[in-house]
Amino acid sequence: MSFVKKAKDFIDDQGSLTDHKYAKHMIETVRFLTKHAVGLENATSTNSIINHLKEVGLPIQRSEWEIHILGTLRDHGIFIGSHRNKGMYIINSEAEAKKVYLGYKRRIFKEMDRMELLRAIMINEGWDTKI
């Protein structure tokens, strides 16, 4: 199933997210992105999304949106790509999916490096690292 089709299907059927506190925000976010931001070349800023939600009577703070909307959608297979300079978009190609995948991979490896540094400091302190 393509990323775009999955996003469009979500608008009609939210599945387990139907009764989610932010379901309306999620639906409207996905609707906005499928109309205006399919593919990296059409990416739109997070502020544009937040402003649109406000315009349609669904105000939300950016941090709330990132956690409760973007994160939750991604957790449920609605992959919204992000590009630091271009903005947010619905993945529309294999190349875009690979870029998003590699972005996750880089962030995970960075966090793993931090975790190992923390572990080394804990060991240096003589603290238990069997967590």
N, C-alpha and C. Protein backbone atom coordinates (compact mmCIF):
# COMPACT_ATOMS: atom_id res chain seq x y z
N MET A 1 0.86 -1.18 0.00
CA MET A 1 0.00 0.00 0.00
C MET A 1 0.90 1.23 0.00
N SER A 2 0.62 2.15 -0.87
CA SER A 2 1.44 3.36 -0.93
C SER A 2 1.20 4.23 0.30
N PHE A 3 2.16 5.07 0.58
CA PHE A 3 2.05 5.99 1.72
C PHE A 3 0.88 6.96 1.51
N VAL A 4 0.70 7.41 0.27
CA VAL A 4 -0.37 8.36 -0.03
C VAL A 4 -1.73 7.69 0.14
N LYS A 5 -1.87 6.48 -0.37
CA LYS A 5 -3.14 5.76 -0.24
C LYS A 5 -3.47 5.51 1.23
N LYS A 6 -2.47 5.10 1.98
CA LYS A 6 -2.69 4.85 3.41
C LYS A 6 -3.15 6.13 4.11
N ALA A 7 -2.54 7.25 3.77
CA ALA A 7 -2.92 8.53 4.37
C ALA A 7 -4.36 8.88 3.99
N LYS A 8 -4.70 8.73 2.73
CA LYS A 8 -6.07 9.05 2.28
C LYS A 8 -7.09 8.11 2.92
N ASP A 9 -6.74 6.85 3.06
CA ASP A 9 -7.64 5.90 3.72
C ASP A 9 -7.86 6.28 5.18
N PHE A 10 -6.82 6.82 5.82
CA PHE A 10 -6.93 7.23 7.22
C PHE A 10 -7.99 8.32 7.40
N ILE A 11 -8.12 9.21 6.43
CA ILE A 11 -9.11 10.28 6.52
C ILE A 11 -10.51 9.70 6.69
N ASP A 12 -10.79 8.59 6.01
CA ASP A 12 -12.11 7.95 6.07
C ASP A 12 -12.25 6.98 7.23
N ASP A 13 -11.16 6.37 7.65
CA ASP A 13 -11.23 5.37 8.71
C ASP A 13 -9.95 5.44 9.55
N GLN A 14 -10.09 5.94 10.75
CA GLN A 14 -8.96 6.11 11.64
C GLN A 14 -8.62 4.86 12.44
N GLY A 15 -9.36 3.81 12.25
CA GLY A 15 -9.08 2.56 12.95
C GLY A 15 -9.06 2.76 14.45
N SER A 16 -8.00 2.31 15.09
CA SER A 16 -7.90 2.38 16.54
C SER A 16 -7.76 3.81 17.07
N LEU A 17 -7.56 4.78 16.17
CA LEU A 17 -7.42 6.18 16.60
C LEU A 17 -8.74 6.95 16.54
N THR A 18 -9.83 6.28 16.20
CA THR A 18 -11.13 6.94 16.04
C THR A 18 -11.51 7.77 17.25
N ASP A 19 -11.31 7.24 18.44
CA ASP A 19 -11.71 7.93 19.66
C ASP A 19 -10.57 8.67 20.35
N HIS A 20 -9.45 8.79 19.66
CA HIS A 20 -8.29 9.48 20.23
C HIS A 20 -8.63 10.94 20.51
N LYS A 21 -8.10 11.47 21.57
CA LYS A 21 -8.35 12.86 21.97
C LYS A 21 -8.06 13.84 20.83
N TYR A 22 -7.07 13.55 20.02
CA TYR A 22 -6.67 14.44 18.93
C TYR A 22 -7.06 13.90 17.55
N ALA A 23 -8.06 13.05 17.49
CA ALA A 23 -8.46 12.44 16.21
C ALA A 23 -8.79 13.50 15.16
N LYS A 24 -9.53 14.53 15.52
CA LYS A 24 -9.90 15.57 14.55
C LYS A 24 -8.66 16.29 14.03
N HIS A 25 -7.73 16.56 14.91
CA HIS A 25 -6.48 17.21 14.51
C HIS A 25 -5.70 16.32 13.54
N MET A 26 -5.68 15.02 13.84
CA MET A 26 -4.96 14.09 12.98
C MET A 26 -5.60 14.02 11.60
N ILE A 27 -6.92 13.89 11.57
CA ILE A 27 -7.63 13.82 10.29
C ILE A 27 -7.36 15.08 9.47
N GLU A 28 -7.46 16.23 10.09
CA GLU A 28 -7.28 17.48 9.35
C GLU A 28 -5.83 17.67 8.93
N THR A 29 -4.89 17.24 9.74
CA THR A 29 -3.48 17.29 9.35
C THR A 29 -3.25 16.45 8.11
N VAL A 30 -3.74 15.22 8.12
CA VAL A 30 -3.55 14.31 6.99
C VAL A 30 -4.29 14.85 5.76
N ARG A 31 -5.49 15.37 5.94
CA ARG A 31 -6.24 15.95 4.83
C ARG A 31 -5.44 17.10 4.19
N PHE A 32 -4.92 17.98 5.03
CA PHE A 32 -4.14 19.12 4.55
C PHE A 32 -2.90 18.65 3.78
N LEU A 33 -2.19 17.68 4.34
CA LEU A 33 -0.97 17.18 3.69
C LEU A 33 -1.27 16.46 2.38
N THR A 34 -2.35 15.70 2.33
CA THR A 34 -2.66 15.00 1.07
C THR A 34 -3.10 15.97 -0.03
N LYS A 35 -3.59 17.12 0.37
CA LYS A 35 -3.98 18.13 -0.63
C LYS A 35 -2.82 19.03 -1.04
N HIS A 36 -1.90 19.29 -0.11
CA HIS A 36 -0.88 20.31 -0.35
C HIS A 36 0.57 19.84 -0.27
N ALA A 37 0.82 18.66 0.27
CA ALA A 37 2.21 18.30 0.53
C ALA A 37 2.49 16.82 0.28
N VAL A 38 2.17 16.35 -0.91
CA VAL A 38 2.53 14.99 -1.29
C VAL A 38 3.87 15.07 -2.01
N GLY A 39 4.85 14.41 -1.44
CA GLY A 39 6.19 14.42 -2.00
C GLY A 39 7.03 15.55 -1.45
N LEU A 40 8.32 15.30 -1.36
CA LEU A 40 9.26 16.27 -0.81
C LEU A 40 9.21 17.60 -1.55
N GLU A 41 9.02 17.54 -2.87
CA GLU A 41 9.01 18.78 -3.66
C GLU A 41 7.84 19.69 -3.29
N ASN A 42 6.83 19.16 -2.60
CA ASN A 42 5.67 19.94 -2.18
C ASN A 42 5.60 20.13 -0.67
N ALA A 43 6.69 19.86 0.01
CA ALA A 43 6.71 19.95 1.47
C ALA A 43 6.25 21.32 1.95
N THR A 44 5.61 21.32 3.12
CA THR A 44 5.10 22.56 3.70
C THR A 44 5.60 22.68 5.14
N SER A 45 5.71 23.88 5.61
CA SER A 45 6.25 24.08 6.96
C SER A 45 5.27 23.60 8.03
N THR A 46 5.83 23.24 9.16
CA THR A 46 4.99 22.86 10.29
C THR A 46 4.09 24.02 10.68
N ASN A 47 4.62 25.23 10.61
CA ASN A 47 3.81 26.41 10.94
C ASN A 47 2.59 26.52 10.03
N SER A 48 2.73 26.17 8.76
CA SER A 48 1.58 26.20 7.84
C SER A 48 0.51 25.22 8.29
N ILE A 49 0.94 24.07 8.75
CA ILE A 49 0.00 23.05 9.22
C ILE A 49 -0.70 23.55 10.49
N ILE A 50 0.07 24.05 11.43
CA ILE A 50 -0.48 24.57 12.69
C ILE A 50 -1.46 25.71 12.40
N ASN A 51 -1.08 26.61 11.51
CA ASN A 51 -1.97 27.73 11.14
C ASN A 51 -3.25 27.23 10.50
N HIS A 52 -3.15 26.23 9.64
CA HIS A 52 -4.35 25.66 9.02
C HIS A 52 -5.28 25.08 10.08
N LEU A 53 -4.71 24.33 11.01
CA LEU A 53 -5.54 23.75 12.06
C LEU A 53 -6.25 24.84 12.86
N LYS A 54 -5.54 25.90 13.15
CA LYS A 54 -6.13 27.03 13.86
C LYS A 54 -7.28 27.63 13.05
N GLU A 55 -7.07 27.80 11.74
CA GLU A 55 -8.09 28.39 10.85
C GLU A 55 -9.37 27.56 10.80
N VAL A 56 -9.24 26.24 10.94
CA VAL A 56 -10.43 25.38 10.88
C VAL A 56 -10.98 25.06 12.27
N GLY A 57 -10.53 25.80 13.27
CA GLY A 57 -11.08 25.65 14.62
C GLY A 57 -10.47 24.55 15.45
N LEU A 58 -9.23 24.15 15.10
CA LEU A 58 -8.54 23.10 15.85
C LEU A 58 -7.17 23.60 16.31
N PRO A 59 -7.16 24.64 17.14
CA PRO A 59 -5.87 25.19 17.57
C PRO A 59 -5.07 24.19 18.38
N ILE A 60 -3.75 24.25 18.20
CA ILE A 60 -2.85 23.36 18.93
C ILE A 60 -1.47 24.00 18.93
N GLN A 61 -0.74 23.80 20.00
CA GLN A 61 0.63 24.29 20.08
C GLN A 61 1.54 23.37 19.26
N ARG A 62 2.61 23.92 18.75
CA ARG A 62 3.54 23.15 17.92
C ARG A 62 4.06 21.90 18.65
N SER A 63 4.48 22.07 19.90
CA SER A 63 5.01 20.93 20.65
C SER A 63 3.95 19.85 20.84
N GLU A 64 2.72 20.26 21.10
CA GLU A 64 1.60 19.29 21.22
C GLU A 64 1.42 18.55 19.90
N TRP A 65 1.46 19.31 18.80
CA TRP A 65 1.26 18.72 17.48
C TRP A 65 2.35 17.69 17.19
N GLU A 66 3.59 18.03 17.49
CA GLU A 66 4.69 17.12 17.22
C GLU A 66 4.56 15.81 18.00
N ILE A 67 4.13 15.90 19.24
CA ILE A 67 4.02 14.72 20.09
C ILE A 67 2.73 13.94 19.82
N HIS A 68 1.60 14.64 19.89
CA HIS A 68 0.30 13.96 19.87
C HIS A 68 -0.25 13.71 18.47
N ILE A 69 0.19 14.47 17.49
CA ILE A 69 -0.32 14.28 16.14
C ILE A 69 0.72 13.57 15.29
N LEU A 70 1.84 14.24 15.05
CA LEU A 70 2.88 13.67 14.19
C LEU A 70 3.38 12.33 14.72
N GLY A 71 3.74 12.29 15.98
CA GLY A 71 4.25 11.05 16.56
C GLY A 71 3.23 9.92 16.53
N THR A 72 2.00 10.24 16.89
CA THR A 72 0.95 9.21 16.91
C THR A 72 0.65 8.71 15.50
N LEU A 73 0.58 9.61 14.54
CA LEU A 73 0.35 9.17 13.16
C LEU A 73 1.46 8.24 12.70
N ARG A 74 2.69 8.61 12.97
CA ARG A 74 3.82 7.76 12.57
C ARG A 74 3.77 6.42 13.28
N ASP A 75 3.38 6.43 14.56
CA ASP A 75 3.26 5.17 15.31
C ASP A 75 2.23 4.24 14.69
N HIS A 76 1.28 4.81 13.95
CA HIS A 76 0.22 4.02 13.33
C HIS A 76 0.39 3.89 11.82
N GLY A 77 1.61 4.11 11.33
CA GLY A 77 1.92 3.83 9.93
C GLY A 77 1.58 4.92 8.94
N ILE A 78 1.20 6.10 9.42
CA ILE A 78 0.99 7.24 8.52
C ILE A 78 2.30 8.01 8.55
N PHE A 79 3.17 7.71 7.59
CA PHE A 79 4.51 8.29 7.61
C PHE A 79 4.55 9.64 6.93
N ILE A 80 4.77 10.64 7.76
CA ILE A 80 4.93 12.00 7.30
C ILE A 80 6.43 12.29 7.36
N GLY A 81 6.98 12.54 6.18
CA GLY A 81 8.40 12.84 6.12
C GLY A 81 8.65 14.26 6.57
N SER A 82 9.87 14.51 6.96
CA SER A 82 10.23 15.88 7.34
C SER A 82 11.61 16.20 6.78
N HIS A 83 11.74 17.43 6.37
CA HIS A 83 13.01 17.93 5.85
C HIS A 83 13.27 19.25 6.55
N ARG A 84 14.44 19.37 7.13
CA ARG A 84 14.76 20.54 7.95
C ARG A 84 14.47 21.86 7.23
N ASN A 85 14.79 21.98 5.96
CA ASN A 85 14.62 23.24 5.23
C ASN A 85 13.31 23.34 4.46
N LYS A 86 12.74 22.20 4.08
CA LYS A 86 11.56 22.24 3.23
C LYS A 86 10.25 22.02 3.97
N GLY A 87 10.26 21.23 5.02
CA GLY A 87 9.06 21.02 5.80
C GLY A 87 8.55 19.59 5.82
N MET A 88 7.25 19.47 6.03
CA MET A 88 6.59 18.18 6.21
C MET A 88 5.92 17.74 4.90
N TYR A 89 5.83 16.40 4.70
CA TYR A 89 5.23 15.90 3.46
C TYR A 89 4.84 14.43 3.61
N ILE A 90 3.90 14.03 2.78
CA ILE A 90 3.55 12.61 2.70
C ILE A 90 4.55 11.96 1.74
N ILE A 91 5.21 10.91 2.20
CA ILE A 91 6.18 10.20 1.38
C ILE A 91 5.49 9.72 0.10
N ASN A 92 6.17 9.92 -1.04
CA ASN A 92 5.55 9.60 -2.31
C ASN A 92 6.43 8.76 -3.23
N SER A 93 7.60 8.35 -2.74
CA SER A 93 8.47 7.55 -3.61
C SER A 93 9.41 6.69 -2.78
N GLU A 94 10.02 5.74 -3.44
CA GLU A 94 10.99 4.88 -2.78
C GLU A 94 12.17 5.73 -2.26
N ALA A 95 12.63 6.67 -3.07
CA ALA A 95 13.76 7.51 -2.67
C ALA A 95 13.42 8.31 -1.42
N GLU A 96 12.21 8.86 -1.35
CA GLU A 96 11.80 9.62 -0.16
C GLU A 96 11.72 8.71 1.06
N ALA A 97 11.17 7.51 0.87
CA ALA A 97 11.07 6.57 1.99
C ALA A 97 12.46 6.21 2.51
N LYS A 98 13.41 6.03 1.60
CA LYS A 98 14.77 5.71 2.01
C LYS A 98 15.40 6.87 2.78
N LYS A 99 15.16 8.11 2.34
CA LYS A 99 15.70 9.27 3.04
C LYS A 99 15.14 9.35 4.47
N VAL A 100 13.85 9.12 4.61
CA VAL A 100 13.23 9.15 5.93
C VAL A 100 13.79 8.03 6.80
N TYR A 101 13.91 6.85 6.21
CA TYR A 101 14.47 5.70 6.92
C TYR A 101 15.88 6.00 7.42
N LEU A 102 16.72 6.55 6.55
CA LEU A 102 18.09 6.87 6.94
C LEU A 102 18.14 7.96 8.00
N GLY A 103 17.19 8.88 7.96
CA GLY A 103 17.10 9.90 9.00
C GLY A 103 16.83 9.29 10.36
N TYR A 104 15.88 8.34 10.40
CA TYR A 104 15.62 7.63 11.66
C TYR A 104 16.87 6.90 12.12
N LYS A 105 17.51 6.23 11.18
CA LYS A 105 18.69 5.44 11.51
C LYS A 105 19.79 6.31 12.11
N ARG A 106 20.04 7.48 11.51
CA ARG A 106 21.06 8.39 12.04
C ARG A 106 20.71 8.85 13.46
N ARG A 107 19.44 9.20 13.67
CA ARG A 107 19.03 9.66 15.01
C ARG A 107 19.16 8.54 16.04
N ILE A 108 18.79 7.34 15.66
CA ILE A 108 18.89 6.20 16.58
C ILE A 108 20.34 5.93 16.94
N PHE A 109 21.22 5.93 15.94
CA PHE A 109 22.64 5.70 16.23
C PHE A 109 23.22 6.80 17.12
N LYS A 110 22.80 8.03 16.90
CA LYS A 110 23.26 9.14 17.75
C LYS A 110 22.81 8.93 19.19
N GLU A 111 21.56 8.53 19.37
CA GLU A 111 21.06 8.25 20.72
C GLU A 111 21.78 7.06 21.35
N MET A 112 22.12 6.07 20.54
CA MET A 112 22.87 4.92 21.07
C MET A 112 24.26 5.36 21.53
N ASP A 113 24.89 6.26 20.77
CA ASP A 113 26.19 6.80 21.20
C ASP A 113 26.05 7.51 22.54
N ARG A 114 25.01 8.29 22.69
CA ARG A 114 24.77 9.01 23.95
C ARG A 114 24.52 8.03 25.10
N MET A 115 23.78 6.99 24.80
CA MET A 115 23.48 5.99 25.82
C MET A 115 24.77 5.30 26.29
N GLU A 116 25.64 5.00 25.35
CA GLU A 116 26.90 4.35 25.73
C GLU A 116 27.80 5.29 26.52
N LEU A 117 27.79 6.57 26.18
CA LEU A 117 28.55 7.55 26.95
C LEU A 117 28.02 7.64 28.38
N LEU A 118 26.70 7.68 28.51
CA LEU A 118 26.08 7.69 29.83
C LEU A 118 26.46 6.44 30.62
N ARG A 119 26.43 5.29 29.96
CA ARG A 119 26.78 4.03 30.61
C ARG A 119 28.23 4.07 31.10
N ALA A 120 29.12 4.59 30.27
CA ALA A 120 30.54 4.69 30.65
C ALA A 120 30.71 5.57 31.89
N ILE A 121 29.97 6.66 31.94
CA ILE A 121 30.04 7.55 33.11
C ILE A 121 29.50 6.83 34.34
N MET A 122 28.41 6.10 34.16
CA MET A 122 27.85 5.34 35.28
C MET A 122 28.86 4.32 35.81
N ILE A 123 29.53 3.62 34.89
CA ILE A 123 30.53 2.64 35.28
C ILE A 123 31.66 3.33 36.03
N ASN A 124 32.09 4.47 35.52
CA ASN A 124 33.16 5.25 36.17
C ASN A 124 32.78 5.64 37.60
N GLU A 125 31.50 5.87 37.82
CA GLU A 125 31.00 6.24 39.15
C GLU A 125 30.84 5.01 40.06
N GLY A 126 30.97 3.83 39.45
CA GLY A 126 30.79 2.60 40.22
C GLY A 126 29.33 2.21 40.39
N TRP A 127 28.47 2.79 39.56
CA TRP A 127 27.03 2.53 39.65
C TRP A 127 26.64 1.30 38.83
N ASP A 128 25.57 0.69 39.24
CA ASP A 128 25.04 -0.48 38.55
C ASP A 128 24.51 -0.08 37.18
N THR A 129 24.94 -0.79 36.15
CA THR A 129 24.46 -0.50 34.79
C THR A 129 23.55 -1.61 34.26
N LYS A 130 23.17 -2.51 35.17
CA LYS A 130 22.25 -3.60 34.76
C LYS A 130 20.82 -3.12 34.94
N ILE A 131 20.33 -2.48 33.92
CA ILE A 131 18.99 -1.89 33.98
C ILE A 131 18.06 -2.69 33.11
